[in-house]
Amino acid sequence: MKNNLLLRLALILMLLPTLGVAQNDAEPYTINHGPYLQGLTYDGVIVCFTTSHRGFSGVEIRRKGTEQVRLCRTSKDGLFEADNTLNSIHIEGLEPATEYEYRIISKRMLSFEPYKVTFGEEIASEWYTFSTFDPKAEAVTFVVANDIHDDAKKCADLLSHMPLDEASMVFYNGDIMSHYSQQGQPYASFIDVSVEKFATQKPFAVVRGNHETRGHLARQYGDYIHNTRDGKYYGVYYFGTTAVVMLDCGEDKDDAHPVYAGLVDFDRYREEQAEWLKQVVRSKAFRRAERRIVIVHIPPTVERMAEVEQNAKVVPDLMTWRGNAHLGELLLPILNKADIDVMLSAHLHKQVIFPVQPGVVEFPIIANDNVSAMVVRSSSEGVYVKIVGRDGAIKHEKTY
């Protein structure tokens, strides 16, 4: 009797995965996350989304007010991406300062044999709109939020106080997740709420923080985040007369720290960025910019910054951390000569403003706290920064 019960239990356990698949197969084919925009420039954009089942997907796009539609798909080495659920469709050849409409089209793949493919349901999303950036823009507004730490409600609260209709994009300045350890976590943490608030029409970029490098899935983050066309987390955005440089801080502790188990290489990575940054600040596009902003999660520090009285209790502590010190050592000598207007940082979970200190740091560094977001407007008057708390209260307001 006991043996019969064990046999039946074994059969049920063997059938459970099959039953689960059958139940899943019976669900309708849908676009279940997105779309959200990434890597928007003067002439291109990346549209990201997922489908509920494996399929073959693309994006149809047209200039607003026209009927001519172009179908865009992702192709690599002669093969279109297919039999997948996670999609990032690169669209190029767009006109600057132009409004476009786009929609997702997809058909489910029921089977994918070597010489026979069977398709199922076909779906199409509603039409969404976006505008490419204007290379002649004299002003730009964007939003910066940071240290969300997987709290989607906090993300929504902060965005609710931001002028998203006016903003060109949102920069998430690090530690949006505490670590990446669960499949689909970026959606639950901040992508889904971004889609709800703005991301079907305006892009966001994620300036990685030290926490996003943690967790056994951290190496998959780039499947969801496409800040630039070359796939780097660091890069530069141009909004007409304004340049915004994104830097990837890496971890806060030394690479050899036991907690990393020998699996990180951030010293070399920061050195790689420093060499890249030298080329950026020498470029014609950067030198032509009238205002220059830097965004990095961990604020760079050097010992002499401790001489500033208001930061006397902050900088010595930061100098014990490898991330702050190494960023200061590598980046400040380059940026001090680049006529930077302001640097926007985070990480400290409290608001600290490092003022200009000639010969040490030639631009103010604003480290935002973990319960506020920033409105940044760059214009001929300078770079206006307003910090608004989760409750809507204004915590800082100044033009730099």
Foldseek 3Di string as FASTA:
>chain_A
DVVVVVVVVVVVVVCVVVVVVVVLVPDDKDFDFDQFWAAFAQWKIKTKTFISFWWAKWKWKDFPPDDDIDTFFDDDPRDTDGRGGIGITIDGGHHGFTKMKMKMKIWAWPDDDPPDTDTDDIDMDDIFMEHGFHQADQKAKEKEAEQLAQVQVLVLLQVVLDPLVRHQEYEYAENLHQEDADPPSVCSSHRVSCRVRHRSYHHYAYLYDQRCCHYPCSVVVLSPGQNHPVSDSWDWGDRRQEIETRDRLYHFADCPPVVNVNPDDVLVVLVVVLVVLLVVLPDPSLVSRPAYEYEHAAAADDPVLCVPPVCVVPRVVSCVTPSNDSCQVRPQVRVQPRPHAEYEYEPPQDWDKRCADPPRHHYIYTYHHNFWMWMWMAHPVAIWIWIAGSVRDTDDTDGD
